[in-house]
Amino acid sequence: SSAGSRLVDRFPGVPTKLAGLVIEKWEPATLPKLDVLF
């Protein structure tokens, strides 16, 4: 439901370094390079 919004839109107190990260639609096939997934 939150896909397309920025983290700061959902969590206004998020640190500045993460504020602009865009929430993506969950799709395992399109994961970026990750070491750990929660």
PDB file of all heavy atoms in Angstrom:
ATOM      1  N   SER A   1       0.816  -1.217   0.000  1.00  0.00           N
ATOM      2  CA  SER A   1       0.000   0.000   0.000  1.00  0.00           C
ATOM      3  C   SER A   1       0.849   1.266   0.000  1.00  0.00           C
ATOM      4  O   SER A   1       0.402   2.317  -0.455  1.00  0.00           O
ATOM      5  CB  SER A   1      -0.929   0.008   1.223  1.00  0.00           C
ATOM      6  OG  SER A   1      -0.180  -0.005   2.419  1.00  0.00           O
ATOM      7  N   SER A   2       2.099   1.174   0.493  1.00  0.00           N
ATOM      8  CA  SER A   2       2.951   2.370   0.590  1.00  0.00           C
ATOM      9  C   SER A   2       3.884   2.526  -0.596  1.00  0.00           C
ATOM     10  O   SER A   2       4.652   3.493  -0.659  1.00  0.00           O
ATOM     11  CB  SER A   2       3.775   2.312   1.877  1.00  0.00           C
ATOM     12  OG  SER A   2       4.569   1.129   1.912  1.00  0.00           O
ATOM     13  N   ALA A   3       3.864   1.603  -1.557  1.00  0.00           N
ATOM     14  CA  ALA A   3       4.781   1.657  -2.690  1.00  0.00           C
ATOM     15  C   ALA A   3       4.650   2.974  -3.449  1.00  0.00           C
ATOM     16  O   ALA A   3       3.542   3.458  -3.700  1.00  0.00           O
ATOM     17  CB  ALA A   3       4.538   0.475  -3.621  1.00  0.00           C
ATOM     18  N   GLY A   4       5.784   3.552  -3.803  1.00  0.00           N
ATOM     19  CA  GLY A   4       5.810   4.817  -4.522  1.00  0.00           C
ATOM     20  C   GLY A   4       6.033   6.030  -3.645  1.00  0.00           C
ATOM     21  O   GLY A   4       6.412   7.092  -4.144  1.00  0.00           O
ATOM     22  N   SER A   5       5.799   5.904  -2.364  1.00  0.00           N
ATOM     23  CA  SER A   5       6.028   7.028  -1.446  1.00  0.00           C
ATOM     24  C   SER A   5       7.448   6.974  -0.899  1.00  0.00           C
ATOM     25  O   SER A   5       8.112   5.940  -0.930  1.00  0.00           O
ATOM     26  CB  SER A   5       5.018   7.008  -0.302  1.00  0.00           C
ATOM     27  OG  SER A   5       5.086   5.799   0.418  1.00  0.00           O
ATOM     28  N   ARG A   6       7.919   8.105  -0.405  1.00  0.00           N
ATOM     29  CA  ARG A   6       9.240   8.158   0.206  1.00  0.00           C
ATOM     30  C   ARG A   6       9.145   7.761   1.673  1.00  0.00           C
ATOM     31  O   ARG A   6       8.082   7.874   2.291  1.00  0.00           O
ATOM     32  CB  ARG A   6       9.816   9.558   0.085  1.00  0.00           C
ATOM     33  CG  ARG A   6      10.000  10.073  -1.337  1.00  0.00           C
ATOM     34  CD  ARG A   6      10.448  11.518  -1.312  1.00  0.00           C
ATOM     35  NE  ARG A   6       9.480  12.350  -0.588  1.00  0.00           N
ATOM     36  CZ  ARG A   6       9.754  13.548  -0.063  1.00  0.00           C
ATOM     37  NH1 ARG A   6      10.978  14.056  -0.168  1.00  0.00           N
ATOM     38  NH2 ARG A   6       8.820  14.228   0.569  1.00  0.00           N
ATOM     39  N   LEU A   7      10.256   7.339   2.224  1.00  0.00           N
ATOM     40  CA  LEU A   7      10.250   6.978   3.644  1.00  0.00           C
ATOM     41  C   LEU A   7       9.783   8.129   4.505  1.00  0.00           C
ATOM     42  O   LEU A   7       9.048   7.937   5.472  1.00  0.00           O
ATOM     43  CB  LEU A   7      11.648   6.529   4.086  1.00  0.00           C
ATOM     44  CG  LEU A   7      12.068   5.095   3.782  1.00  0.00           C
ATOM     45  CD1 LEU A   7      13.418   4.813   4.413  1.00  0.00           C
ATOM     46  CD2 LEU A   7      11.040   4.096   4.281  1.00  0.00           C
ATOM     47  N   VAL A   8      10.201   9.345   4.164  1.00  0.00           N
ATOM     48  CA  VAL A   8       9.836  10.495   4.992  1.00  0.00           C
ATOM     49  C   VAL A   8       8.329  10.751   4.971  1.00  0.00           C
ATOM     50  O   VAL A   8       7.780  11.330   5.916  1.00  0.00           O
ATOM     51  CB  VAL A   8      10.620  11.749   4.556  1.00  0.00           C
ATOM     52  CG1 VAL A   8      10.114  12.272   3.208  1.00  0.00           C
ATOM     53  CG2 VAL A   8      10.565  12.842   5.622  1.00  0.00           C
ATOM     54  N   ASP A   9       7.653  10.306   3.917  1.00  0.00           N
ATOM     55  CA  ASP A   9       6.204  10.472   3.865  1.00  0.00           C
ATOM     56  C   ASP A   9       5.498   9.540   4.847  1.00  0.00           C
ATOM     57  O   ASP A   9       4.436   9.878   5.376  1.00  0.00           O
ATOM     58  CB  ASP A   9       5.690  10.203   2.445  1.00  0.00           C
ATOM     59  CG  ASP A   9       6.261  11.173   1.427  1.00  0.00           C
ATOM     60  OD1 ASP A   9       6.481  12.340   1.795  1.00  0.00           O
ATOM     61  OD2 ASP A   9       6.512  10.756   0.277  1.00  0.00           O
ATOM     62  N   ARG A  10       6.074   8.385   5.075  1.00  0.00           N
ATOM     63  CA  ARG A  10       5.490   7.411   6.006  1.00  0.00           C
ATOM     64  C   ARG A  10       6.022   7.580   7.410  1.00  0.00           C
ATOM     65  O   ARG A  10       5.334   7.293   8.387  1.00  0.00           O
ATOM     66  CB  ARG A  10       5.793   5.990   5.511  1.00  0.00           C
ATOM     67  CG  ARG A  10       5.267   5.670   4.138  1.00  0.00           C
ATOM     68  CD  ARG A  10       3.768   5.565   4.102  1.00  0.00           C
ATOM     69  NE  ARG A  10       3.273   4.418   4.861  1.00  0.00           N
ATOM     70  CZ  ARG A  10       2.009   4.028   4.885  1.00  0.00           C
ATOM     71  NH1 ARG A  10       1.109   4.703   4.188  1.00  0.00           N
ATOM     72  NH2 ARG A  10       1.626   2.985   5.600  1.00  0.00           N
ATOM     73  N   PHE A  11       7.282   8.013   7.514  1.00  0.00           N
ATOM     74  CA  PHE A  11       7.949   8.176   8.807  1.00  0.00           C
ATOM     75  C   PHE A  11       8.596   9.565   8.837  1.00  0.00           C
ATOM     76  O   PHE A  11       9.780   9.714   8.512  1.00  0.00           O
ATOM     77  CB  PHE A  11       9.014   7.089   9.011  1.00  0.00           C
ATOM     78  CG  PHE A  11       8.487   5.686   8.934  1.00  0.00           C
ATOM     79  CD1 PHE A  11       8.561   4.972   7.741  1.00  0.00           C
ATOM     80  CD2 PHE A  11       7.920   5.075  10.038  1.00  0.00           C
ATOM     81  CE1 PHE A  11       8.083   3.673   7.660  1.00  0.00           C
ATOM     82  CE2 PHE A  11       7.430   3.779   9.977  1.00  0.00           C
ATOM     83  CZ  PHE A  11       7.507   3.075   8.779  1.00  0.00           C
ATOM     84  N   PRO A  12       7.842  10.588   9.201  1.00  0.00           N
ATOM     85  CA  PRO A  12       8.368  11.958   9.130  1.00  0.00           C
ATOM     86  C   PRO A  12       9.636  12.194   9.946  1.00  0.00           C
ATOM     87  O   PRO A  12      10.405  13.114   9.641  1.00  0.00           O
ATOM     88  CB  PRO A  12       7.202  12.793   9.681  1.00  0.00           C
ATOM     89  CG  PRO A  12       5.993  11.986   9.385  1.00  0.00           C
ATOM     90  CD  PRO A  12       6.419  10.554   9.576  1.00  0.00           C
ATOM     91  N   GLY A  13       9.901  11.380  10.950  1.00  0.00           N
ATOM     92  CA  GLY A  13      11.090  11.573  11.772  1.00  0.00           C
ATOM     93  C   GLY A  13      12.297  10.786  11.318  1.00  0.00           C
ATOM     94  O   GLY A  13      13.316  10.750  12.022  1.00  0.00           O
ATOM     95  N   VAL A  14      12.238  10.158  10.142  1.00  0.00           N
ATOM     96  CA  VAL A  14      13.345   9.338   9.667  1.00  0.00           C
ATOM     97  C   VAL A  14      14.588  10.210   9.463  1.00  0.00           C
ATOM     98  O   VAL A  14      14.483  11.386   9.105  1.00  0.00           O
ATOM     99  CB  VAL A  14      12.947   8.626   8.355  1.00  0.00           C
ATOM    100  CG1 VAL A  14      12.894   9.592   7.183  1.00  0.00           C
ATOM    101  CG2 VAL A  14      13.889   7.479   8.049  1.00  0.00           C
ATOM    102  N   PRO A  15      15.800   9.685   9.717  1.00  0.00           N
ATOM    103  CA  PRO A  15      17.016  10.481   9.495  1.00  0.00           C
ATOM    104  C   PRO A  15      17.100  11.000   8.068  1.00  0.00           C
ATOM    105  O   PRO A  15      16.637  10.350   7.117  1.00  0.00           O
ATOM    106  CB  PRO A  15      18.143   9.483   9.794  1.00  0.00           C
ATOM    107  CG  PRO A  15      17.542   8.499  10.735  1.00  0.00           C
ATOM    108  CD  PRO A  15      16.110   8.372  10.312  1.00  0.00           C
ATOM    109  N   THR A  16      17.723  12.148   7.909  1.00  0.00           N
ATOM    110  CA  THR A  16      17.808  12.805   6.607  1.00  0.00           C
ATOM    111  C   THR A  16      18.421  11.909   5.545  1.00  0.00           C
ATOM    112  O   THR A  16      17.988  11.913   4.383  1.00  0.00           O
ATOM    113  CB  THR A  16      18.630  14.100   6.739  1.00  0.00           C
ATOM    114  OG1 THR A  16      18.021  14.954   7.721  1.00  0.00           O
ATOM    115  CG2 THR A  16      18.712  14.841   5.418  1.00  0.00           C
ATOM    116  N   LYS A  17      19.413  11.124   5.918  1.00  0.00           N
ATOM    117  CA  LYS A  17      20.102  10.278   4.933  1.00  0.00           C
ATOM    118  C   LYS A  17      19.174   9.235   4.311  1.00  0.00           C
ATOM    119  O   LYS A  17      19.467   8.701   3.236  1.00  0.00           O
ATOM    120  CB  LYS A  17      21.298   9.582   5.583  1.00  0.00           C
ATOM    121  CG  LYS A  17      20.927   8.594   6.686  1.00  0.00           C
ATOM    122  CD  LYS A  17      22.160   7.941   7.289  1.00  0.00           C
ATOM    123  CE  LYS A  17      21.761   6.952   8.392  1.00  0.00           C
ATOM    124  NZ  LYS A  17      22.950   6.275   8.989  1.00  0.00           N
ATOM    125  N   LEU A  18      18.059   8.926   4.978  1.00  0.00           N
ATOM    126  CA  LEU A  18      17.121   7.920   4.469  1.00  0.00           C
ATOM    127  C   LEU A  18      15.820   8.525   3.966  1.00  0.00           C
ATOM    128  O   LEU A  18      14.986   7.810   3.403  1.00  0.00           O
ATOM    129  CB  LEU A  18      16.800   6.900   5.568  1.00  0.00           C
ATOM    130  CG  LEU A  18      17.963   6.058   6.089  1.00  0.00           C
ATOM    131  CD1 LEU A  18      17.496   5.179   7.241  1.00  0.00           C
ATOM    132  CD2 LEU A  18      18.558   5.205   4.980  1.00  0.00           C
ATOM    133  N   ALA A  19      15.636   9.821   4.156  1.00  0.00           N
ATOM    134  CA  ALA A  19      14.338  10.444   3.893  1.00  0.00           C
ATOM    135  C   ALA A  19      13.853  10.242   2.466  1.00  0.00           C
ATOM    136  O   ALA A  19      12.671  10.022   2.213  1.00  0.00           O
ATOM    137  CB  ALA A  19      14.402  11.934   4.221  1.00  0.00           C
ATOM    138  N   GLY A  20      14.763  10.318   1.503  1.00  0.00           N
ATOM    139  CA  GLY A  20      14.364  10.252   0.103  1.00  0.00           C
ATOM    140  C   GLY A  20      14.260   8.867  -0.472  1.00  0.00           C
ATOM    141  O   GLY A  20      13.877   8.705  -1.649  1.00  0.00           O
ATOM    142  N   LEU A  21      14.553   7.838   0.320  1.00  0.00           N
ATOM    143  CA  LEU A  21      14.461   6.465  -0.188  1.00  0.00           C
ATOM    144  C   LEU A  21      13.012   6.137  -0.529  1.00  0.00           C
ATOM    145  O   LEU A  21      12.112   6.293   0.290  1.00  0.00           O
ATOM    146  CB  LEU A  21      14.994   5.487   0.858  1.00  0.00           C
ATOM    147  CG  LEU A  21      15.106   4.016   0.432  1.00  0.00           C
ATOM    148  CD1 LEU A  21      16.139   3.850  -0.687  1.00  0.00           C
ATOM    149  CD2 LEU A  21      15.483   3.143   1.627  1.00  0.00           C
ATOM    150  N   VAL A  22      12.802   5.700  -1.747  1.00  0.00           N
ATOM    151  CA  VAL A  22      11.442   5.424  -2.225  1.00  0.00           C
ATOM    152  C   VAL A  22      11.059   3.976  -1.906  1.00  0.00           C
ATOM    153  O   VAL A  22      11.832   3.038  -2.149  1.00  0.00           O
ATOM    154  CB  VAL A  22      11.334   5.668  -3.743  1.00  0.00           C
ATOM    155  CG1 VAL A  22       9.949   5.277  -4.258  1.00  0.00           C
ATOM    156  CG2 VAL A  22      11.618   7.139  -4.051  1.00  0.00           C
ATOM    157  N   ILE A  23       9.876   3.813  -1.349  1.00  0.00           N
ATOM    158  CA  ILE A  23       9.365   2.479  -1.041  1.00  0.00           C
ATOM    159  C   ILE A  23       8.916   1.826  -2.345  1.00  0.00           C
ATOM    160  O   ILE A  23       8.126   2.392  -3.100  1.00  0.00           O
ATOM    161  CB  ILE A  23       8.196   2.555  -0.049  1.00  0.00           C
ATOM    162  CG1 ILE A  23       8.655   3.217   1.253  1.00  0.00           C
ATOM    163  CG2 ILE A  23       7.638   1.161   0.226  1.00  0.00           C
ATOM    164  CD1 ILE A  23       7.531   3.493   2.229  1.00  0.00           C
ATOM    165  N   GLU A  24       9.429   0.637  -2.621  1.00  0.00           N
ATOM    166  CA  GLU A  24       9.141  -0.054  -3.870  1.00  0.00           C
ATOM    167  C   GLU A  24       8.070  -1.122  -3.686  1.00  0.00           C
ATOM    168  O   GLU A  24       7.802  -1.563  -2.566  1.00  0.00           O
ATOM    169  CB  GLU A  24      10.426  -0.695  -4.413  1.00  0.00           C
ATOM    170  CG  GLU A  24      11.539   0.308  -4.678  1.00  0.00           C
ATOM    171  CD  GLU A  24      12.771  -0.340  -5.281  1.00  0.00           C
ATOM    172  OE1 GLU A  24      12.617  -1.357  -5.996  1.00  0.00           O
ATOM    173  OE2 GLU A  24      13.879   0.169  -5.047  1.00  0.00           O
ATOM    174  N   LYS A  25       7.475  -1.505  -4.790  1.00  0.00           N
ATOM    175  CA  LYS A  25       6.547  -2.629  -4.766  1.00  0.00           C
ATOM    176  C   LYS A  25       7.353  -3.899  -4.513  1.00  0.00           C
ATOM    177  O   LYS A  25       8.393  -4.122  -5.123  1.00  0.00           O
ATOM    178  CB  LYS A  25       5.816  -2.735  -6.110  1.00  0.00           C
ATOM    179  CG  LYS A  25       4.680  -3.745  -6.129  1.00  0.00           C
ATOM    180  CD  LYS A  25       3.472  -3.238  -5.361  1.00  0.00           C
ATOM    181  CE  LYS A  25       2.285  -4.173  -5.539  1.00  0.00           C
ATOM    182  NZ  LYS A  25       1.110  -3.731  -4.762  1.00  0.00           N
ATOM    183  N   TRP A  26       6.899  -4.728  -3.583  1.00  0.00           N
ATOM    184  CA  TRP A  26       7.636  -5.918  -3.208  1.00  0.00           C
ATOM    185  C   TRP A  26       7.611  -6.935  -4.338  1.00  0.00           C
ATOM    186  O   TRP A  26       6.561  -7.447  -4.715  1.00  0.00           O
ATOM    187  CB  TRP A  26       7.035  -6.501  -1.944  1.00  0.00           C
ATOM    188  CG  TRP A  26       7.399  -7.900  -1.545  1.00  0.00           C
ATOM    189  CD1 TRP A  26       6.522  -8.882  -1.190  1.00  0.00           C
ATOM    190  CD2 TRP A  26       8.705  -8.480  -1.433  1.00  0.00           C
ATOM    191  NE1 TRP A  26       7.188 -10.039  -0.852  1.00  0.00           N
ATOM    192  CE2 TRP A  26       8.547  -9.823  -0.995  1.00  0.00           C
ATOM    193  CE3 TRP A  26      10.004  -8.007  -1.649  1.00  0.00           C
ATOM    194  CZ2 TRP A  26       9.608 -10.676  -0.785  1.00  0.00           C
ATOM    195  CZ3 TRP A  26      11.069  -8.861  -1.435  1.00  0.00           C
ATOM    196  CH2 TRP A  26      10.869 -10.167  -1.003  1.00  0.00           C
ATOM    197  N   GLU A  27       8.815  -7.209  -4.871  1.00  0.00           N
ATOM    198  CA  GLU A  27       8.963  -8.196  -5.929  1.00  0.00           C
ATOM    199  C   GLU A  27      10.350  -8.824  -5.810  1.00  0.00           C
ATOM    200  O   GLU A  27      11.363  -8.175  -6.104  1.00  0.00           O
ATOM    201  CB  GLU A  27       8.788  -7.547  -7.300  1.00  0.00           C
ATOM    202  CG  GLU A  27       9.023  -8.490  -8.481  1.00  0.00           C
ATOM    203  CD  GLU A  27       8.301  -9.814  -8.329  1.00  0.00           C
ATOM    204  OE1 GLU A  27       7.056  -9.800  -8.290  1.00  0.00           O
ATOM    205  OE2 GLU A  27       8.987 -10.856  -8.247  1.00  0.00           O
ATOM    206  N   PRO A  28      10.431 -10.076  -5.372  1.00  0.00           N
ATOM    207  CA  PRO A  28      11.739 -10.714  -5.166  1.00  0.00           C
ATOM    208  C   PRO A  28      12.630 -10.704  -6.401  1.00  0.00           C
ATOM    209  O   PRO A  28      13.860 -10.643  -6.277  1.00  0.00           O
ATOM    210  CB  PRO A  28      11.369 -12.141  -4.758  1.00  0.00           C
ATOM    211  CG  PRO A  28       9.984 -12.043  -4.211  1.00  0.00           C
ATOM    212  CD  PRO A  28       9.321 -10.959  -4.985  1.00  0.00           C
ATOM    213  N   ALA A  29      12.051 -10.761  -7.584  1.00  0.00           N
ATOM    214  CA  ALA A  29      12.850 -10.844  -8.807  1.00  0.00           C
ATOM    215  C   ALA A  29      13.591  -9.552  -9.118  1.00  0.00           C
ATOM    216  O   ALA A  29      14.545  -9.558  -9.904  1.00  0.00           O
ATOM    217  CB  ALA A  29      11.960 -11.224  -9.985  1.00  0.00           C
ATOM    218  N   THR A  30      13.177  -8.444  -8.519  1.00  0.00           N
ATOM    219  CA  THR A  30      13.800  -7.150  -8.846  1.00  0.00           C
ATOM    220  C   THR A  30      14.586  -6.576  -7.674  1.00  0.00           C
ATOM    221  O   THR A  30      14.820  -5.369  -7.617  1.00  0.00           O
ATOM    222  CB  THR A  30      12.721  -6.149  -9.286  1.00  0.00           C
ATOM    223  OG1 THR A  30      11.772  -5.954  -8.224  1.00  0.00           O
ATOM    224  CG2 THR A  30      11.998  -6.644 -10.528  1.00  0.00           C
ATOM    225  N   LEU A  31      15.012  -7.425  -6.749  1.00  0.00           N
ATOM    226  CA  LEU A  31      15.785  -6.932  -5.613  1.00  0.00           C
ATOM    227  C   LEU A  31      17.107  -6.339  -6.080  1.00  0.00           C
ATOM    228  O   LEU A  31      17.762  -6.883  -6.976  1.00  0.00           O
ATOM    229  CB  LEU A  31      16.082  -8.072  -4.634  1.00  0.00           C
ATOM    230  CG  LEU A  31      14.957  -8.554  -3.721  1.00  0.00           C
ATOM    231  CD1 LEU A  31      15.460  -9.724  -2.871  1.00  0.00           C
ATOM    232  CD2 LEU A  31      14.465  -7.442  -2.829  1.00  0.00           C
ATOM    233  N   PRO A  32      17.534  -5.240  -5.471  1.00  0.00           N
ATOM    234  CA  PRO A  32      18.885  -4.748  -5.741  1.00  0.00           C
ATOM    235  C   PRO A  32      19.904  -5.639  -5.036  1.00  0.00           C
ATOM    236  O   PRO A  32      19.548  -6.616  -4.371  1.00  0.00           O
ATOM    237  CB  PRO A  32      18.859  -3.345  -5.125  1.00  0.00           C
ATOM    238  CG  PRO A  32      17.900  -3.476  -3.987  1.00  0.00           C
ATOM    239  CD  PRO A  32      16.835  -4.430  -4.464  1.00  0.00           C
ATOM    240  N   LYS A  33      21.157  -5.312  -5.165  1.00  0.00           N
ATOM    241  CA  LYS A  33      22.191  -6.077  -4.476  1.00  0.00           C
ATOM    242  C   LYS A  33      22.036  -5.878  -2.976  1.00  0.00           C
ATOM    243  O   LYS A  33      22.107  -4.759  -2.470  1.00  0.00           O
ATOM    244  CB  LYS A  33      23.576  -5.614  -4.920  1.00  0.00           C
ATOM    245  CG  LYS A  33      24.705  -6.376  -4.236  1.00  0.00           C
ATOM    246  CD  LYS A  33      26.067  -5.865  -4.663  1.00  0.00           C
ATOM    247  CE  LYS A  33      27.173  -6.610  -3.912  1.00  0.00           C
ATOM    248  NZ  LYS A  33      28.522  -6.094  -4.274  1.00  0.00           N
ATOM    249  N   LEU A  34      21.778  -6.981  -2.264  1.00  0.00           N
ATOM    250  CA  LEU A  34      21.581  -6.938  -0.818  1.00  0.00           C
ATOM    251  C   LEU A  34      22.430  -8.011  -0.145  1.00  0.00           C
ATOM    252  O   LEU A  34      22.701  -9.057  -0.724  1.00  0.00           O
ATOM    253  CB  LEU A  34      20.108  -7.192  -0.460  1.00  0.00           C
ATOM    254  CG  LEU A  34      19.054  -6.171  -0.839  1.00  0.00           C
ATOM    255  CD1 LEU A  34      17.672  -6.686  -0.432  1.00  0.00           C
ATOM    256  CD2 LEU A  34      19.333  -4.835  -0.172  1.00  0.00           C
ATOM    257  N   ASP A  35      22.795  -7.726   1.097  1.00  0.00           N
ATOM    258  CA  ASP A  35      23.426  -8.734   1.941  1.00  0.00           C
ATOM    259  C   ASP A  35      22.409  -9.399   2.862  1.00  0.00           C
ATOM    260  O   ASP A  35      22.474 -10.600   3.109  1.00  0.00           O
ATOM    261  CB  ASP A  35      24.551  -8.102   2.780  1.00  0.00           C
ATOM    262  CG  ASP A  35      25.651  -7.520   1.917  1.00  0.00           C
ATOM    263  OD1 ASP A  35      26.222  -8.273   1.110  1.00  0.00           O
ATOM    264  OD2 ASP A  35      25.936  -6.311   2.044  1.00  0.00           O
ATOM    265  N   VAL A  36      21.481  -8.592   3.393  1.00  0.00           N
ATOM    266  CA  VAL A  36      20.484  -9.093   4.346  1.00  0.00           C
ATOM    267  C   VAL A  36      19.131  -8.480   4.014  1.00  0.00           C
ATOM    268  O   VAL A  36      19.026  -7.279   3.748  1.00  0.00           O
ATOM    269  CB  VAL A  36      20.856  -8.739   5.806  1.00  0.00           C
ATOM    270  CG1 VAL A  36      19.798  -9.282   6.768  1.00  0.00           C
ATOM    271  CG2 VAL A  36      22.228  -9.280   6.167  1.00  0.00           C
ATOM    272  N   LEU A  37      18.095  -9.319   4.053  1.00  0.00           N
ATOM    273  CA  LEU A  37      16.724  -8.846   3.882  1.00  0.00           C
ATOM    274  C   LEU A  37      15.931  -9.170   5.137  1.00  0.00           C
ATOM    275  O   LEU A  37      15.894 -10.325   5.584  1.00  0.00           O
ATOM    276  CB  LEU A  37      16.065  -9.526   2.678  1.00  0.00           C
ATOM    277  CG  LEU A  37      14.593  -9.156   2.421  1.00  0.00           C
ATOM    278  CD1 LEU A  37      14.467  -7.705   2.001  1.00  0.00           C
ATOM    279  CD2 LEU A  37      13.989 -10.086   1.360  1.00  0.00           C
ATOM    280  N   PHE A  38      15.288  -8.154   5.711  1.00  0.00           N
ATOM    281  CA  PHE A  38      14.354  -8.343   6.816  1.00  0.00           C
ATOM    282  C   PHE A  38      12.945  -8.396   6.227  1.00  0.00           C
ATOM    283  O   PHE A  38      12.532  -7.472   5.533  1.00  0.00           O
ATOM    284  CB  PHE A  38      14.441  -7.190   7.818  1.00  0.00           C
ATOM    285  CG  PHE A  38      15.751  -7.098   8.541  1.00  0.00           C
ATOM    286  CD1 PHE A  38      16.798  -6.338   8.024  1.00  0.00           C
ATOM    287  CD2 PHE A  38      15.956  -7.759   9.743  1.00  0.00           C
ATOM    288  CE1 PHE A  38      18.008  -6.245   8.684  1.00  0.00           C
ATOM    289  CE2 PHE A  38      17.158  -7.678  10.411  1.00  0.00           C
ATOM    290  CZ  PHE A  38      18.202  -6.910   9.884  1.00  0.00           C
TER     291      PHE A  38
END
